[in-house]
C-alpha atoms as a PDB file:
ATOM      1  CA  MET A   1       0.000   0.000   0.000  1.00  0.00           C
ATOM      2  CA  ARG A   2       1.361   3.388  -1.024  1.00  0.00           C
ATOM      3  CA  MET A   3       1.856   5.767   1.922  1.00  0.00           C
ATOM      4  CA  SER A   4       1.606   9.522   1.909  1.00  0.00           C
ATOM      5  CA  ALA A   5       4.453  11.769   3.024  1.00  0.00           C
ATOM      6  CA  ALA A   6       2.572  12.528   6.261  1.00  0.00           C
ATOM      7  CA  GLU A   7       2.243   8.820   7.060  1.00  0.00           C
ATOM      8  CA  LYS A   8       5.929   8.222   6.369  1.00  0.00           C
ATOM      9  CA  MET A   9       6.797  11.198   8.569  1.00  0.00           C
ATOM     10  CA  GLU A  10       4.578   9.800  11.314  1.00  0.00           C
ATOM     11  CA  ILE A  11       6.365   6.454  11.166  1.00  0.00           C
ATOM     12  CA  ILE A  12       9.783   8.164  11.322  1.00  0.00           C
ATOM     13  CA  ARG A  13       8.750  10.114  14.413  1.00  0.00           C
ATOM     14  CA  MET A  14       7.225   7.021  15.985  1.00  0.00           C
ATOM     15  CA  VAL A  15      10.480   5.083  15.496  1.00  0.00           C
ATOM     16  CA  GLU A  16      12.410   7.982  17.060  1.00  0.00           C
ATOM     17  CA  GLN A  17       9.997   7.962  20.008  1.00  0.00           C
ATOM     18  CA  SER A  18       9.789   4.189  20.487  1.00  0.00           C
ATOM     19  CA  PRO A  19      11.549   2.797  23.585  1.00  0.00           C
ATOM     20  CA  ILE A  20      11.976  -0.681  22.049  1.00  0.00           C
ATOM     21  CA  GLY A  21      14.475   0.210  19.329  1.00  0.00           C
ATOM     22  CA  VAL A  22      14.355   0.622  15.570  1.00  0.00           C
ATOM     23  CA  LYS A  23      14.315  -3.050  14.567  1.00  0.00           C
ATOM     24  CA  ASN A  24      11.603  -4.158  17.005  1.00  0.00           C
ATOM     25  CA  THR A  25       9.403  -1.171  16.179  1.00  0.00           C
ATOM     26  CA  LEU A  26       9.647  -1.767  12.424  1.00  0.00           C
ATOM     27  CA  ASP A  27       8.947  -5.476  12.913  1.00  0.00           C
ATOM     28  CA  GLN A  28       5.750  -4.622  14.799  1.00  0.00           C
ATOM     29  CA  LEU A  29       4.713  -2.170  12.094  1.00  0.00           C
ATOM     30  CA  GLY A  30       5.483  -4.668   9.338  1.00  0.00           C
ATOM     31  CA  ILE A  31       7.872  -2.305   7.547  1.00  0.00           C
ATOM     32  CA  HIS A  32      11.145  -3.559   6.100  1.00  0.00           C
ATOM     33  CA  ARG A  33      14.219  -1.796   7.447  1.00  0.00           C
ATOM     34  CA  SER A  34      15.566  -1.050   3.958  1.00  0.00           C
ATOM     35  CA  THR A  35      12.286   0.708   3.139  1.00  0.00           C
ATOM     36  CA  PHE A  36      12.427   2.752   6.337  1.00  0.00           C
ATOM     37  CA  TYR A  37      16.043   3.805   5.885  1.00  0.00           C
ATOM     38  CA  SER A  38      15.281   4.777   2.283  1.00  0.00           C
ATOM     39  CA  TRP A  39      12.574   7.113   3.616  1.00  0.00           C
ATOM     40  CA  TYR A  40      14.856   8.388   6.369  1.00  0.00           C
ATOM     41  CA  ASP A  41      17.720   9.082   3.941  1.00  0.00           C
ATOM     42  CA  ARG A  42      15.409  11.164   1.704  1.00  0.00           C
ATOM     43  CA  TYR A  43      14.034  12.940   4.785  1.00  0.00           C
ATOM     44  CA  VAL A  44      17.556  13.864   6.009  1.00  0.00           C
ATOM     45  CA  LYS A  45      18.560  15.141   2.551  1.00  0.00           C
ATOM     46  CA  PHE A  46      15.397  16.918   1.428  1.00  0.00           C
ATOM     47  CA  GLY A  47      13.187  17.315   4.489  1.00  0.00           C
ATOM     48  CA  GLU A  48       9.562  16.216   4.622  1.00  0.00           C
ATOM     49  CA  SER A  49       9.096  17.130   0.940  1.00  0.00           C
ATOM     50  CA  GLY A  50      11.516  14.330   0.063  1.00  0.00           C
ATOM     51  CA  LEU A  51       8.935  11.824   1.288  1.00  0.00           C
ATOM     52  CA  GLU A  52       6.389  12.838  -1.348  1.00  0.00           C
ATOM     53  CA  ALA A  53       5.486  10.153  -3.867  1.00  0.00           C
ATOM     54  CA  THR A  54       5.182  10.883  -7.574  1.00  0.00           C
ATOM     55  CA  ARG A  55       1.473  10.142  -7.489  1.00  0.00           C
ATOM     56  CA  LEU A  56      -0.777  10.430  -4.480  1.00  0.00           C
ATOM     57  CA  LYS A  57      -4.359   9.227  -4.305  1.00  0.00           C
ATOM     58  CA  HIS A  58      -6.797  10.396  -1.685  1.00  0.00           C
ATOM     59  CA  GLN A  59      -8.237   7.389   0.087  1.00  0.00           C
ATOM     60  CA  CYS A  60     -11.291   7.213   2.271  1.00  0.00           C
ATOM     61  CA  VAL A  61     -10.525   6.242   5.900  1.00  0.00           C
ATOM     62  CA  TRP A  62     -12.889   3.353   6.577  1.00  0.00           C
ATOM     63  CA  ASN A  63     -11.696   2.599  10.117  1.00  0.00           C
ATOM     64  CA  LYS A  64     -11.603   6.108  11.582  1.00  0.00           C
ATOM     65  CA  ILE A  65     -11.795   6.152  15.372  1.00  0.00           C
ATOM     66  CA  PRO A  66     -14.935   7.853  16.771  1.00  0.00           C
ATOM     67  CA  ALA A  67     -14.409  11.310  18.231  1.00  0.00           C
ATOM     68  CA  GLU A  68     -15.449  10.227  21.731  1.00  0.00           C
ATOM     69  CA  ILE A  69     -12.806   7.466  21.701  1.00  0.00           C
ATOM     70  CA  GLU A  70     -10.155   9.984  20.632  1.00  0.00           C
ATOM     71  CA  LEU A  71     -11.093  12.202  23.595  1.00  0.00           C
ATOM     72  CA  GLN A  72     -10.902   9.223  25.955  1.00  0.00           C
ATOM     73  CA  ILE A  73      -7.411   8.374  24.673  1.00  0.00           C
ATOM     74  CA  ILE A  74      -6.249  11.981  25.133  1.00  0.00           C
ATOM     75  CA  ASP A  75      -7.676  12.091  28.675  1.00  0.00           C
ATOM     76  CA  PHE A  76      -5.974   8.773  29.417  1.00  0.00           C
ATOM     77  CA  ALA A  77      -2.658  10.154  28.117  1.00  0.00           C
ATOM     78  CA  LEU A  78      -2.981  13.292  30.251  1.00  0.00           C
ATOM     79  CA  ASP A  79      -3.635  11.136  33.321  1.00  0.00           C
ATOM     80  CA  ASN A  80      -0.551   9.019  32.556  1.00  0.00           C
ATOM     81  CA  PRO A  81       2.119  11.424  31.208  1.00  0.00           C
ATOM     82  CA  GLU A  82       4.970   9.025  32.039  1.00  0.00           C
ATOM     83  CA  LEU A  83       3.768   6.398  29.520  1.00  0.00           C
ATOM     84  CA  SER A  84       4.993   6.201  25.919  1.00  0.00           C
ATOM     85  CA  ALA A  85       2.629   5.894  22.944  1.00  0.00           C
ATOM     86  CA  ARG A  86       3.164   2.131  22.918  1.00  0.00           C
ATOM     87  CA  GLU A  87       2.487   1.790  26.649  1.00  0.00           C
ATOM     88  CA  LEU A  88      -0.592   4.025  26.405  1.00  0.00           C
ATOM     89  CA  ALA A  89      -2.014   1.856  23.614  1.00  0.00           C
ATOM     90  CA  ILE A  90      -1.495  -1.309  25.693  1.00  0.00           C
ATOM     91  CA  HIS A  91      -2.884   0.080  28.958  1.00  0.00           C
ATOM     92  CA  TYR A  92      -5.847   1.741  27.259  1.00  0.00           C
ATOM     93  CA  ALA A  93      -6.769  -1.501  25.477  1.00  0.00           C
ATOM     94  CA  GLN A  94      -6.535  -3.407  28.757  1.00  0.00           C
ATOM     95  CA  SER A  95      -8.690  -0.939  30.694  1.00  0.00           C
ATOM     96  CA  SER A  96     -11.334  -0.179  28.044  1.00  0.00           C
ATOM     97  CA  GLU A  97     -11.296  -3.380  25.910  1.00  0.00           C
ATOM     98  CA  TYR A  98     -11.070  -1.104  22.838  1.00  0.00           C
ATOM     99  CA  PHE A  99      -7.979  -1.806  20.771  1.00  0.00           C
ATOM    100  CA  VAL A 100      -5.949   1.092  19.366  1.00  0.00           C
ATOM    101  CA  SER A 101      -2.564   0.821  17.701  1.00  0.00           C
ATOM    102  CA  GLU A 102       0.609   2.554  18.860  1.00  0.00           C
ATOM    103  CA  SER A 103       0.672   4.591  15.640  1.00  0.00           C
ATOM    104  CA  THR A 104      -2.873   5.838  16.294  1.00  0.00           C
ATOM    105  CA  VAL A 105      -1.989   6.959  19.816  1.00  0.00           C
ATOM    106  CA  TYR A 106       1.169   8.616  18.509  1.00  0.00           C
ATOM    107  CA  ARG A 107      -0.827  10.472  15.838  1.00  0.00           C
ATOM    108  CA  LEU A 108      -3.339  11.753  18.398  1.00  0.00           C
ATOM    109  CA  LEU A 109      -0.588  12.891  20.786  1.00  0.00           C
ATOM    110  CA  LYS A 110       1.294  14.591  17.965  1.00  0.00           C
ATOM    111  CA  LYS A 111      -1.847  16.374  16.771  1.00  0.00           C
ATOM    112  CA  ARG A 112      -2.316  17.927  20.216  1.00  0.00           C
ATOM    113  CA  GLY A 113       1.360  18.642  20.933  1.00  0.00           C
ATOM    114  CA  LEU A 114       1.637  16.114  23.752  1.00  0.00           C
ATOM    115  CA  LEU A 115       4.765  14.306  22.550  1.00  0.00           C
ATOM    116  CA  THR A 116       7.942  14.321  24.637  1.00  0.00           C
ATOM    117  CA  ALA A 117      11.494  14.424  23.301  1.00  0.00           C
ATOM    118  CA  PRO A 118      12.444  11.287  21.332  1.00  0.00           C
ATOM    119  CA  ASN A 119      14.049   8.392  23.207  1.00  0.00           C
ATOM    120  CA  TYR A 120      16.001   7.492  20.085  1.00  0.00           C
ATOM    121  CA  VAL A 121      17.813   9.516  17.468  1.00  0.00           C
ATOM    122  CA  VAL A 122      17.889   7.355  14.358  1.00  0.00           C
ATOM    123  CA  LEU A 123      21.375   7.091  12.858  1.00  0.00           C
ATOM    124  CA  SER A 124      22.658   5.019   9.974  1.00  0.00           C
ATOM    125  CA  ALA A 125      25.423   2.576  10.864  1.00  0.00           C
ATOM    126  CA  ALA A 126      28.957   3.820  10.185  1.00  0.00           C
ATOM    127  CA  ASP A 127      31.614   1.783   8.412  1.00  0.00           C
ATOM    128  CA  GLU A 128      33.865   1.831  11.476  1.00  0.00           C
ATOM    129  CA  PHE A 129      34.077   3.090  15.076  1.00  0.00           C
ATOM    130  CA  LYS A 130      35.025   6.729  15.543  1.00  0.00           C
ATOM    131  CA  ASP A 131      37.172   6.128  18.651  1.00  0.00           C
ATOM    132  CA  LYS A 132      39.196   2.969  18.034  1.00  0.00           C
ATOM    133  CA  THR A 133      40.739   1.041  20.902  1.00  0.00           C
ATOM    134  CA  LEU A 134      44.108  -0.648  20.434  1.00  0.00           C
ATOM    135  CA  ARG A 135      44.214  -3.109  23.312  1.00  0.00           C
ATOM    136  CA  VAL A 136      42.147  -5.011  25.851  1.00  0.00           C
ATOM    137  CA  ASN A 137      41.064  -3.059  28.957  1.00  0.00           C
ATOM    138  CA  GLU A 138      41.677   0.306  27.302  1.00  0.00           C
ATOM    139  CA  MET A 139      38.002   1.290  27.375  1.00  0.00           C
ATOM    140  CA  TRP A 140      34.931  -0.330  28.932  1.00  0.00           C
ATOM    141  CA  GLN A 141      31.262   0.349  28.300  1.00  0.00           C
ATOM    142  CA  ALA A 142      28.829   0.122  31.212  1.00  0.00           C
ATOM    143  CA  ASP A 143      25.183  -0.337  30.313  1.00  0.00           C
ATOM    144  CA  PHE A 144      21.750  -1.217  31.715  1.00  0.00           C
ATOM    145  CA  THR A 145      19.076  -3.281  29.984  1.00  0.00           C
ATOM    146  CA  TYR A 146      15.800  -3.514  31.856  1.00  0.00           C
ATOM    147  CA  PHE A 147      13.100  -6.171  31.800  1.00  0.00           C
ATOM    148  CA  LYS A 148       9.492  -6.040  32.941  1.00  0.00           C
ATOM    149  CA  ILE A 149       8.553  -9.537  34.060  1.00  0.00           C
ATOM    150  CA  LYS A 150       4.807  -9.936  34.411  1.00  0.00           C
ATOM    151  CA  GLY A 151       3.915 -10.947  37.940  1.00  0.00           C
ATOM    152  CA  TRP A 152       7.324  -9.890  39.299  1.00  0.00           C
ATOM    153  CA  GLY A 153       8.056  -6.332  38.177  1.00  0.00           C
ATOM    154  CA  TRP A 154      11.165  -4.604  36.822  1.00  0.00           C
ATOM    155  CA  TYR A 155      14.669  -6.110  36.817  1.00  0.00           C
ATOM    156  CA  TYR A 156      17.846  -4.459  35.518  1.00  0.00           C
ATOM    157  CA  LEU A 157      20.817  -6.173  33.852  1.00  0.00           C
ATOM    158  CA  SER A 158      23.997  -4.217  34.543  1.00  0.00           C
ATOM    159  CA  THR A 159      26.919  -5.114  32.247  1.00  0.00           C
ATOM    160  CA  VAL A 160      30.499  -4.027  31.628  1.00  0.00           C
ATOM    161  CA  LEU A 161      31.761  -4.645  28.066  1.00  0.00           C
ATOM    162  CA  ASP A 162      35.385  -4.428  26.916  1.00  0.00           C
ATOM    163  CA  ASP A 163      35.372  -2.228  23.791  1.00  0.00           C
ATOM    164  CA  PHE A 164      38.325  -3.935  22.100  1.00  0.00           C
ATOM    165  CA  SER A 165      37.484  -7.631  22.584  1.00  0.00           C
ATOM    166  CA  ARG A 166      33.659  -7.153  22.876  1.00  0.00           C
ATOM    167  CA  HIS A 167      33.853  -9.465  25.902  1.00  0.00           C
ATOM    168  CA  ILE A 168      31.459  -9.075  28.850  1.00  0.00           C
ATOM    169  CA  VAL A 169      33.856  -8.513  31.733  1.00  0.00           C
ATOM    170  CA  HIS A 170      31.161  -8.692  34.425  1.00  0.00           C
ATOM    171  CA  TRP A 171      27.358  -8.581  34.732  1.00  0.00           C
ATOM    172  CA  GLU A 172      24.821  -8.378  37.549  1.00  0.00           C
ATOM    173  CA  LEU A 173      21.042  -8.630  37.729  1.00  0.00           C
ATOM    174  CA  CYS A 174      19.828  -5.769  39.934  1.00  0.00           C
ATOM    175  CA  SER A 175      16.505  -4.807  41.480  1.00  0.00           C
ATOM    176  CA  THR A 176      17.236  -1.089  40.909  1.00  0.00           C
ATOM    177  CA  MET A 177      19.044   1.010  38.282  1.00  0.00           C
ATOM    178  CA  LYS A 178      20.946   3.462  40.477  1.00  0.00           C
ATOM    179  CA  ALA A 179      24.445   4.916  40.319  1.00  0.00           C
ATOM    180  CA  GLU A 180      25.630   2.610  43.089  1.00  0.00           C
ATOM    181  CA  ASP A 181      24.497  -0.419  41.053  1.00  0.00           C
ATOM    182  CA  ALA A 182      26.613   0.701  38.076  1.00  0.00           C
ATOM    183  CA  ALA A 183      29.546   1.533  40.382  1.00  0.00           C
ATOM    184  CA  ARG A 184      29.346  -1.898  42.044  1.00  0.00           C
ATOM    185  CA  THR A 185      29.313  -3.665  38.664  1.00  0.00           C
ATOM    186  CA  VAL A 186      32.389  -1.701  37.525  1.00  0.00           C
ATOM    187  CA  GLU A 187      34.196  -2.439  40.797  1.00  0.00           C
ATOM    188  CA  GLN A 188      33.495  -6.164  40.421  1.00  0.00           C
ATOM    189  CA  ALA A 189      34.727  -5.995  36.807  1.00  0.00           C
ATOM    190  CA  LEU A 190      37.968  -4.340  37.923  1.00  0.00           C
ATOM    191  CA  GLU A 191      38.462  -7.022  40.560  1.00  0.00           C
ATOM    192  CA  LYS A 192      37.709  -9.829  38.097  1.00  0.00           C
ATOM    193  CA  ALA A 193      40.094  -8.347  35.486  1.00  0.00           C
ATOM    194  CA  LYS A 194      42.719  -7.845  38.234  1.00  0.00           C
ATOM    195  CA  ILE A 195      43.161  -4.163  37.377  1.00  0.00           C
ATOM    196  CA  LYS A 196      44.582  -2.004  40.155  1.00  0.00           C
ATOM    197  CA  ASN A 197      45.694   1.090  38.229  1.00  0.00           C
ATOM    198  CA  THR A 198      42.437   2.604  36.973  1.00  0.00           C
ATOM    199  CA  ARG A 199      44.151   5.595  35.332  1.00  0.00           C
ATOM    200  CA  ASN A 200      44.801   3.562  32.180  1.00  0.00           C
ATOM    201  CA  ILE A 201      41.164   2.618  31.566  1.00  0.00           C
ATOM    202  CA  THR A 202      38.145   4.664  30.493  1.00  0.00           C
ATOM    203  CA  VAL A 203      34.624   3.625  31.458  1.00  0.00           C
ATOM    204  CA  LEU A 204      31.716   4.917  29.363  1.00  0.00           C
ATOM    205  CA  LEU A 205      28.150   4.771  30.667  1.00  0.00           C
ATOM    206  CA  ASN A 206      25.705   4.139  27.838  1.00  0.00           C
ATOM    207  CA  ARG A 207      22.386   5.955  28.204  1.00  0.00           C
ATOM    208  CA  LYS A 208      20.405   4.020  25.582  1.00  0.00           C
ATOM    209  CA  ARG A 209      17.191   2.520  26.917  1.00  0.00           C
ATOM    210  CA  GLU A 210      16.096  -0.907  25.803  1.00  0.00           C
ATOM    211  CA  GLU A 211      12.870  -2.295  27.245  1.00  0.00           C
ATOM    212  CA  GLN A 212      12.057  -6.006  27.164  1.00  0.00           C
ATOM    213  CA  SER A 213       8.806  -7.582  28.331  1.00  0.00           C
ATOM    214  CA  VAL A 214       9.030 -11.125  29.707  1.00  0.00           C
ATOM    215  CA  THR A 215       6.169 -13.351  30.827  1.00  0.00           C
ATOM    216  CA  ARG A 216       6.660 -15.423  33.966  1.00  0.00           C
ATOM    217  CA  ASP A 217       6.189 -19.180  33.593  1.00  0.00           C
ATOM    218  CA  ASP A 218       3.710 -20.083  36.338  1.00  0.00           C
ATOM    219  CA  GLU A 219       3.734 -23.824  35.635  1.00  0.00           C
END
C-alpha cells in the first residue's frame, strides 16, 4: 500500500519515540528496514518534501476512530504522562477493551502537541568506530538493559563490556538502576580483570534505553 508523506513522517517520528528500538518497532509495524532507511535518507537530505510520492491518491478512511474514543485516549494520556505511545495503547486496550494501535496513539498525541522528546535519534550505521581502541582493557562500556517480568516487576541487567574484545567482563542482575548499582558492577569488573591502576582505563556509561517484556512461567 502506497503511503503519503505525512504517514511516512509519522512512522519516522514514531520510530524515534519508540523505547523498544528501531528493529523491534519496524517489525511490529510490518515495515522492512531497507524501506524505512530509504525514507529516512530522503528525509535527512530533502526534508519532509523528500517523502512525497510521484502520485498520491486520496483514500477514504474506513476505520476512523470515533471522536469520543479519541477524547478518551487523550484524557488517558494526560492522566498518565509518564507512559509512551506504545504503553498508552497497551494500557488503554486493557482498561477499556477497545484496541488502538501505537501509531494511532502517537498520531493523536502529535496532533495535540503532547509528545515528549524522542528516546532514540535514528542514525545510519557507520563503516567503522570513531574512537578505536588498540588493546584489551583500554576502554569499557557500562550499560543497563531492563526487563518487565509480568507478575514480578522490573529487573535491571547491569553489564560491563570491553570495547576492544567485545567481551562481557562482568554482569549483575539488579533490582534497581541506580548509580551505586553501576559503580558496584564496575568495581566487580575491575576485581575480576585484576586491574589495580584505573588511570589507564576509560569507562563509558551508555544511556540508551532498551525495554524487554518477559512473561513469567507459572507452571
